[in-house]
Amino acid sequence: MDIKKHLMITGNSTVSWKDAIVKAITEASKTIDYLSEVKIIEQRASIDGDKIVEYFVDLDVSFTLDLNRKKN
């Protein structure tokens, strides 16, 4: 049986929402093992004049718990 845990994270980018998602997942994978799913909760952006200057995404990332992990 797989048990999953969910974390809410926020990514940002000056390029696009997709880039913000990719960067957030890349960074999360450096410290969280067994990432398995991502759900986009919200997208928003900062505007300066008539241009978007920064993209933000709130993500619900899931990872599978390692039930066989030994305790220290």
Protein backbone atom coordinates (compact mmCIF):
# COMPACT_ATOMS: atom_id res chain seq x y z
CA MET A 1 0.00 0.00 0.00
CA ASP A 2 1.29 3.47 -0.92
CA ILE A 3 0.78 6.37 1.42
CA LYS A 4 1.21 9.85 -0.01
CA LYS A 5 1.96 13.11 1.71
CA HIS A 6 1.12 16.54 0.26
CA LEU A 7 3.06 19.79 0.54
CA MET A 8 2.09 23.24 -0.65
CA ILE A 9 4.93 25.12 -2.34
CA THR A 10 5.18 28.33 -4.34
CA GLY A 11 7.39 28.75 -7.39
CA ASN A 12 8.35 31.90 -9.22
CA SER A 13 9.94 32.89 -12.51
CA THR A 14 10.54 35.97 -14.62
CA VAL A 15 9.96 33.87 -17.77
CA SER A 16 6.60 32.04 -17.52
CA TRP A 17 4.22 30.07 -15.32
CA LYS A 18 5.57 26.85 -16.85
CA ASP A 19 9.11 27.88 -15.93
CA ALA A 20 7.96 28.63 -12.36
CA ILE A 21 6.45 25.13 -12.12
CA VAL A 22 9.57 23.45 -13.50
CA LYS A 23 11.86 25.41 -11.16
CA ALA A 24 9.72 24.63 -8.12
CA ILE A 25 9.66 20.90 -8.88
CA THR A 26 13.41 20.88 -9.57
CA GLU A 27 14.17 22.55 -6.24
CA ALA A 28 11.70 20.38 -4.28
CA SER A 29 13.22 17.21 -5.74
CA LYS A 30 16.61 18.15 -4.23
CA THR A 31 15.30 17.60 -0.69
CA ILE A 32 12.17 15.46 -1.10
CA ASP A 33 12.40 11.85 -2.29
CA TYR A 34 9.71 9.97 -4.22
CA LEU A 35 7.89 12.97 -5.74
CA SER A 36 4.96 11.57 -7.67
CA GLU A 37 2.36 14.22 -8.55
CA VAL A 38 1.80 17.94 -8.81
CA LYS A 39 -1.45 19.90 -8.83
CA ILE A 40 -1.55 23.56 -9.84
CA ILE A 41 -3.60 25.39 -7.23
CA GLU A 42 -3.21 28.99 -8.35
CA GLN A 43 -1.34 31.13 -10.87
CA ARG A 44 -0.71 34.85 -10.48
CA ALA A 45 1.71 37.48 -11.71
CA SER A 46 3.26 40.81 -10.81
CA ILE A 47 2.77 43.58 -13.34
CA ASP A 48 4.89 46.66 -13.95
CA GLY A 49 3.12 49.07 -16.26
CA ASP A 50 1.79 46.93 -19.09
CA LYS A 51 4.17 43.97 -18.68
CA ILE A 52 4.27 40.90 -16.50
CA VAL A 53 7.52 41.00 -14.57
CA GLU A 54 7.18 37.87 -12.40
CA TYR A 55 5.05 34.72 -12.50
CA PHE A 56 3.98 32.81 -9.39
CA VAL A 57 2.41 29.35 -8.99
CA ASP A 58 1.08 27.68 -5.88
CA LEU A 59 1.50 23.92 -6.15
CA ASP A 60 0.33 20.89 -4.20
CA VAL A 61 3.13 18.36 -4.60
CA SER A 62 2.71 14.75 -3.52
CA PHE A 63 5.32 12.23 -2.56
CA THR A 64 5.14 8.61 -1.52
CA LEU A 65 6.25 7.77 2.01
CA ASP A 66 9.00 5.18 2.36
CA LEU A 67 7.35 2.67 4.68
CA ASN A 68 10.50 0.53 4.79
CA ARG A 69 12.78 3.33 5.97
CA LYS A 70 14.73 2.49 9.10
CA LYS A 71 14.43 4.82 12.08
CA ASN A 72 17.61 6.23 13.58
